[in-house]
C-alpha atoms as a PDB file:
ATOM      1  CA  MET A   1      -0.061  -0.101   0.036  1.00  0.00           C
ATOM      2  CA  ILE A   2       1.264   3.458  -0.831  1.00  0.00           C
ATOM      3  CA  ASP A   3       2.004   5.789   2.071  1.00  0.00           C
ATOM      4  CA  MET A   4       0.541   9.099   1.350  1.00  0.00           C
ATOM      5  CA  ASN A   5       2.621  10.847   4.173  1.00  0.00           C
ATOM      6  CA  VAL A   6       4.705  13.458   2.452  1.00  0.00           C
ATOM      7  CA  GLU A   7       7.482  13.051   5.098  1.00  0.00           C
ATOM      8  CA  ASN A   8       7.887   9.298   4.318  1.00  0.00           C
ATOM      9  CA  ASN A   9       7.758   9.921   0.539  1.00  0.00           C
ATOM     10  CA  CYS A  10      10.593  12.463   0.172  1.00  0.00           C
ATOM     11  CA  MET A  11      13.020  11.724  -2.681  1.00  0.00           C
ATOM     12  CA  LYS A  12      16.655  12.908  -2.493  1.00  0.00           C
ATOM     13  CA  ASP A  13      17.752  14.905  -5.599  1.00  0.00           C
ATOM     14  CA  GLY A  14      21.284  15.208  -6.737  1.00  0.00           C
ATOM     15  CA  GLU A  15      22.447  17.851  -3.988  1.00  0.00           C
ATOM     16  CA  GLY A  16      20.970  16.172  -1.057  1.00  0.00           C
ATOM     17  CA  GLU A  17      17.725  18.245  -1.065  1.00  0.00           C
ATOM     18  CA  THR A  18      14.472  16.629  -0.367  1.00  0.00           C
ATOM     19  CA  SER A  19      11.440  17.225  -2.480  1.00  0.00           C
ATOM     20  CA  PRO A  20       8.082  15.691  -1.730  1.00  0.00           C
ATOM     21  CA  GLY A  21       7.225  12.556  -3.541  1.00  0.00           C
ATOM     22  CA  LEU A  22       3.488  11.780  -3.826  1.00  0.00           C
ATOM     23  CA  PRO A  23       1.019  14.739  -3.275  1.00  0.00           C
ATOM     24  CA  HIS A  24      -0.902  15.149  -0.065  1.00  0.00           C
ATOM     25  CA  GLU A  25      -4.006  12.869   0.500  1.00  0.00           C
ATOM     26  CA  PRO A  26      -6.287  15.998   0.565  1.00  0.00           C
ATOM     27  CA  VAL A  27      -4.802  17.054  -2.962  1.00  0.00           C
ATOM     28  CA  VAL A  28      -5.443  13.547  -4.368  1.00  0.00           C
ATOM     29  CA  ASN A  29      -9.011  13.459  -2.945  1.00  0.00           C
ATOM     30  CA  GLU A  30      -9.744  16.906  -4.514  1.00  0.00           C
ATOM     31  CA  LEU A  31      -8.496  15.890  -7.883  1.00  0.00           C
ATOM     32  CA  ILE A  32     -10.634  12.620  -7.526  1.00  0.00           C
ATOM     33  CA  ARG A  33     -13.749  14.759  -6.517  1.00  0.00           C
ATOM     34  CA  LYS A  34     -13.242  17.063  -9.640  1.00  0.00           C
ATOM     35  CA  LYS A  35     -12.988  14.249 -11.924  1.00  0.00           C
ATOM     36  CA  ALA A  36     -16.164  12.663 -10.553  1.00  0.00           C
ATOM     37  CA  ILE A  37     -18.056  15.974 -10.874  1.00  0.00           C
ATOM     38  CA  MET A  38     -16.865  16.330 -14.573  1.00  0.00           C
ATOM     39  CA  ALA A  39     -17.876  12.598 -15.231  1.00  0.00           C
ATOM     40  CA  THR A  40     -21.240  13.129 -13.610  1.00  0.00           C
ATOM     41  CA  ALA A  41     -21.903  16.397 -15.535  1.00  0.00           C
ATOM     42  CA  THR A  42     -20.957  14.611 -18.758  1.00  0.00           C
ATOM     43  CA  THR A  43     -23.025  11.597 -18.086  1.00  0.00           C
ATOM     44  CA  ASP A  44     -26.089  13.985 -17.187  1.00  0.00           C
ATOM     45  CA  LEU A  45     -25.819  15.627 -20.373  1.00  0.00           C
ATOM     46  CA  LEU A  46     -25.609  12.434 -22.409  1.00  0.00           C
ATOM     47  CA  ILE A  47     -28.417  11.026 -20.564  1.00  0.00           C
ATOM     48  CA  GLY A  48     -30.425  14.332 -21.145  1.00  0.00           C
ATOM     49  CA  LYS A  49     -29.821  14.036 -24.862  1.00  0.00           C
ATOM     50  CA  VAL A  50     -30.725  10.443 -25.175  1.00  0.00           C
ATOM     51  CA  VAL A  51     -33.913  10.948 -23.337  1.00  0.00           C
ATOM     52  CA  ALA A  52     -34.867  14.061 -25.384  1.00  0.00           C
ATOM     53  CA  ILE A  53     -34.321  11.851 -28.665  1.00  0.00           C
ATOM     54  CA  LEU A  54     -36.473   9.084 -27.005  1.00  0.00           C
ATOM     55  CA  GLU A  55     -39.067  11.456 -26.183  1.00  0.00           C
ATOM     56  CA  ASN A  56     -39.188  12.682 -29.732  1.00  0.00           C
ATOM     57  CA  GLU A  57     -39.152   9.145 -31.159  1.00  0.00           C
ATOM     58  CA  ALA A  58     -42.195   8.266 -28.878  1.00  0.00           C
ATOM     59  CA  ALA A  59     -44.165  11.223 -29.923  1.00  0.00           C
ATOM     60  CA  SER A  60     -43.578  10.363 -33.538  1.00  0.00           C
ATOM     61  CA  ILE A  61     -44.534   6.922 -33.106  1.00  0.00           C
ATOM     62  CA  ALA A  62     -47.669   8.092 -31.207  1.00  0.00           C
ATOM     63  CA  GLY A  63     -48.516  10.424 -33.958  1.00  0.00           C
ATOM     64  CA  VAL A  64     -48.248   7.713 -36.650  1.00  0.00           C
ATOM     65  CA  GLY A  65     -50.409   5.559 -34.574  1.00  0.00           C
ATOM     66  CA  HIS A  66     -53.313   8.266 -34.629  1.00  0.00           C
ATOM     67  CA  GLN A  67     -52.821   8.553 -38.499  1.00  0.00           C
ATOM     68  CA  VAL A  68     -52.846   4.883 -39.015  1.00  0.00           C
ATOM     69  CA  ASP A  69     -56.213   4.756 -37.004  1.00  0.00           C
ATOM     70  CA  GLU A  70     -57.560   7.685 -39.213  1.00  0.00           C
ATOM     71  CA  ILE A  71     -56.562   5.725 -42.626  1.00  0.00           C
ATOM     72  CA  LYS A  72     -57.925   2.488 -41.258  1.00  0.00           C
ATOM     73  CA  GLN A  73     -61.316   4.160 -40.550  1.00  0.00           C
ATOM     74  CA  GLU A  74     -61.389   5.735 -43.936  1.00  0.00           C
ATOM     75  CA  LEU A  75     -60.669   2.348 -45.578  1.00  0.00           C
ATOM     76  CA  VAL A  76     -63.592   0.895 -43.642  1.00  0.00           C
ATOM     77  CA  PHE A  77     -65.817   3.698 -44.910  1.00  0.00           C
ATOM     78  CA  MET A  78     -64.672   3.044 -48.438  1.00  0.00           C
ATOM     79  CA  LEU A  79     -65.264  -0.684 -48.208  1.00  0.00           C
ATOM     80  CA  ALA A  80     -68.830  -0.016 -46.752  1.00  0.00           C
ATOM     81  CA  LEU A  81     -69.583   2.433 -49.660  1.00  0.00           C
ATOM     82  CA  LEU A  82     -68.236  -0.268 -52.054  1.00  0.00           C
ATOM     83  CA  ILE A  83     -70.505  -2.929 -50.658  1.00  0.00           C
ATOM     84  CA  SER A  84     -73.612  -0.606 -50.599  1.00  0.00           C
ATOM     85  CA  ILE A  85     -73.003   0.261 -54.277  1.00  0.00           C
ATOM     86  CA  SER A  86     -72.666  -3.308 -55.481  1.00  0.00           C
END
C-alpha cells in the first residue's frame, strides 16, 4: 500500500535536498472529486440528450399510430360504400 504521508515519501535529489514524492492525500481526494464531478456532468448531459431523442421518437410513433387509425377508418368507410353500391 502506498504511504501518502509526504514526510515518508521524500526523494533525495542530486544535491541532498528533499522534495515531496506523492501529493498530499487531500490534494489527491480533491482531484478525484473534480474528476467525478466532470464525469457526472458529462453523463447527465448525455442522458439528457438520449431522453430527448427517445421522447421525440415516442411522440413521432404516437402521432403515426393516430394517423394509421384515421386511414383504417377511411378504408372501412370506403369498403362500406363499395359494398352498398354493389
